[in-house]
C-alpha cells in the first residue's frame, strides 16, 4: 500500500529545488525510473530513501509521509511547539525554585539557547523530557 499524496510531496520538493526527475533521482542515488515510481505513487518509499530526502533537502519526514494532516499547524509544528513549551516551563520552574530575578529578555534568551541546543542534539525533535536542571541552572547563571 502506498502512502497517499507522497508522490505529490516529492514532486513539490523537486520543483522547489528546480530539479528535473533525472537530477532528483541522481541526488537520491536511485534510477530515474525508480524515482518516477515514487513520484507517481506507484511504489512505497523505503525508510532509507526518506532519510536521504531529509538529508539532501531538509524536508520534514513527517510532512513527506503525512502532508498537512489538518488545517493550521502541521504535526511537526505542533511537536516543535510542545518541545519549546517543555524547555520554557523548565526554565520558569528553575527561576521560581531558585528565587532568581531574571529579566524577561534574558529568560527568553535562555529558553531560545536551550531549545536550539536540543534541536542540535535531537534534529528529528523527539524531545520526551525537559532539559536537565543542571544544564538549565548553568544557562540561567550566565544570563541572571
Protein backbone atom coordinates (compact mmCIF):
# COMPACT_ATOMS: atom_id res chain seq x y z
CA UNK A 1 0.00 0.00 0.00
CA UNK A 2 1.47 3.35 -0.98
CA UNK A 3 1.18 6.49 1.12
CA UNK A 4 -1.47 8.80 -0.27
CA UNK A 5 -0.10 12.10 -1.58
CA UNK A 6 3.54 11.14 -1.05
CA UNK A 7 4.29 11.45 -4.75
CA UNK A 8 2.86 14.97 -4.86
CA UNK A 9 5.03 15.98 -1.91
CA UNK A 10 8.15 14.51 -3.54
CA UNK A 11 7.27 16.40 -6.70
CA UNK A 12 6.83 19.61 -4.68
CA UNK A 13 10.29 19.19 -3.14
CA UNK A 14 11.80 18.54 -6.58
CA UNK A 15 10.09 21.57 -8.14
CA UNK A 16 11.10 23.80 -5.22
CA UNK A 17 14.71 22.76 -5.81
CA UNK A 18 14.23 23.34 -9.56
CA UNK A 19 15.37 19.82 -10.41
CA UNK A 20 14.35 17.51 -13.20
CA UNK A 21 13.27 13.99 -12.30
CA UNK A 22 16.65 12.80 -13.55
CA UNK A 23 18.52 15.25 -11.30
CA UNK A 24 16.33 14.39 -8.31
CA UNK A 25 17.00 10.68 -8.86
CA UNK A 26 20.74 11.35 -9.00
CA UNK A 27 20.64 13.32 -5.74
CA UNK A 28 18.79 10.43 -4.08
CA UNK A 29 21.06 7.78 -5.65
CA UNK A 30 18.21 5.91 -7.36
CA UNK A 31 17.43 5.31 -11.00
CA UNK A 32 15.18 7.77 -12.79
CA UNK A 33 12.57 5.08 -13.37
CA UNK A 34 12.57 4.14 -9.65
CA UNK A 35 12.15 7.80 -8.72
CA UNK A 36 9.29 8.14 -11.19
CA UNK A 37 7.51 5.24 -9.49
CA UNK A 38 7.79 7.05 -6.13
CA UNK A 39 6.62 10.36 -7.56
CA UNK A 40 3.65 8.73 -9.30
CA UNK A 41 2.73 6.99 -6.05
CA UNK A 42 3.17 3.53 -7.55
CA UNK A 43 5.82 2.37 -5.11
CA UNK A 44 6.34 2.76 -1.35
CA UNK A 45 9.21 4.99 -0.31
CA UNK A 46 11.68 2.95 1.78
CA UNK A 47 12.89 4.41 5.08
CA UNK A 48 16.43 4.74 3.76
CA UNK A 49 15.19 6.94 0.92
CA UNK A 50 13.04 9.01 3.29
CA UNK A 51 16.20 9.63 5.33
CA UNK A 52 18.05 10.64 2.15
CA UNK A 53 15.27 13.14 1.29
CA UNK A 54 15.67 14.61 4.77
CA UNK A 55 19.47 14.81 4.49
CA UNK A 56 19.57 16.21 0.96
CA UNK A 57 16.65 18.64 1.08
CA UNK A 58 15.95 19.12 4.81
CA UNK A 59 12.37 18.02 4.15
CA UNK A 60 10.43 17.15 7.28
CA UNK A 61 9.96 13.35 7.18
CA UNK A 62 6.55 13.63 8.85
CA UNK A 63 5.40 16.06 6.18
CA UNK A 64 6.77 13.84 3.39
CA UNK A 65 4.81 10.89 4.77
CA UNK A 66 1.65 12.58 6.03
CA UNK A 67 1.44 16.03 4.50
CA UNK A 68 -0.51 18.62 6.39
CA UNK A 69 -2.89 16.31 8.23
CA UNK A 70 -5.20 19.08 9.38
CA UNK A 71 -5.67 22.79 8.83
CA UNK A 72 -3.43 25.04 10.87
CA UNK A 73 -0.24 23.65 12.32
CA UNK A 74 1.41 20.58 10.85
CA UNK A 75 2.18 17.67 13.14
CA UNK A 76 5.85 18.68 13.16
CA UNK A 77 4.99 22.26 14.10
CA UNK A 78 2.82 21.01 16.98
CA UNK A 79 5.67 18.79 18.21
CA UNK A 80 8.13 21.68 17.97
CA UNK A 81 5.74 23.92 19.92
CA UNK A 82 5.36 21.24 22.62
CA UNK A 83 9.13 20.84 22.85
CA UNK A 84 9.62 24.61 23.08
CA UNK A 85 6.98 24.72 25.81
CA UNK A 86 8.80 22.00 27.78
CA UNK A 87 12.02 23.97 27.67
CA UNK A 88 10.23 27.18 28.63
CA UNK A 89 8.47 25.55 31.55
CA UNK A 90 11.73 24.02 32.78
CA UNK A 91 13.38 27.44 32.76
CA UNK A 92 10.40 29.09 34.50
CA UNK A 93 10.35 26.34 37.13
CA UNK A 94 14.05 26.71 37.91
CA UNK A 95 13.76 30.51 38.15
CA UNK A 96 10.97 30.15 40.71
CA UNK A 97 12.65 27.30 42.62
CA UNK A 98 15.89 29.23 42.96
CA UNK A 99 14.20 32.57 43.64
CA UNK A 100 16.09 34.23 40.81
CA UNK A 101 15.30 37.62 39.38
CA UNK A 102 15.76 37.26 35.63
CA UNK A 103 14.57 39.97 33.22
CA UNK A 104 12.12 38.68 30.61
CA UNK A 105 14.53 39.31 27.74
CA UNK A 106 17.26 37.27 29.45
CA UNK A 107 14.80 34.50 30.33
CA UNK A 108 13.77 34.21 26.66
CA UNK A 109 17.43 34.23 25.64
CA UNK A 110 17.96 31.23 27.94
CA UNK A 111 14.90 29.43 26.57
CA UNK A 112 15.96 30.07 22.97
CA UNK A 113 19.50 28.90 23.68
CA UNK A 114 18.38 25.68 25.38
CA UNK A 115 15.85 24.95 22.64
CA UNK A 116 18.48 25.45 19.92
CA UNK A 117 20.77 23.12 21.86
CA UNK A 118 18.01 20.48 21.96
CA UNK A 119 17.46 20.77 18.20
CA UNK A 120 21.15 20.17 17.55
CA UNK A 121 21.16 17.13 19.84
CA UNK A 122 17.81 15.87 18.56
CA UNK A 123 17.27 17.03 14.94
CA UNK A 124 14.16 14.89 14.43
CA UNK A 125 12.70 16.54 17.53
CA UNK A 126 11.73 13.58 19.64
CA UNK A 127 12.20 15.53 22.87
CA UNK A 128 10.45 13.47 25.52
CA UNK A 129 11.71 15.18 28.67
CA UNK A 130 12.51 18.68 29.80
CA UNK A 131 16.20 19.62 29.85
CA UNK A 132 18.08 18.54 32.96
CA UNK A 133 18.10 21.01 35.83
CA UNK A 134 21.88 21.28 35.97
CA UNK A 135 22.02 22.49 32.37
CA UNK A 136 19.17 24.95 32.97
CA UNK A 137 20.95 26.23 36.07
CA UNK A 138 24.20 26.76 34.15
CA UNK A 139 22.44 28.74 31.43
CA UNK A 140 20.47 30.78 33.98
CA UNK A 141 23.72 31.51 35.77
CA UNK A 142 25.04 33.02 32.58
CA UNK A 143 22.02 35.23 31.94
CA UNK A 144 20.98 36.15 35.52
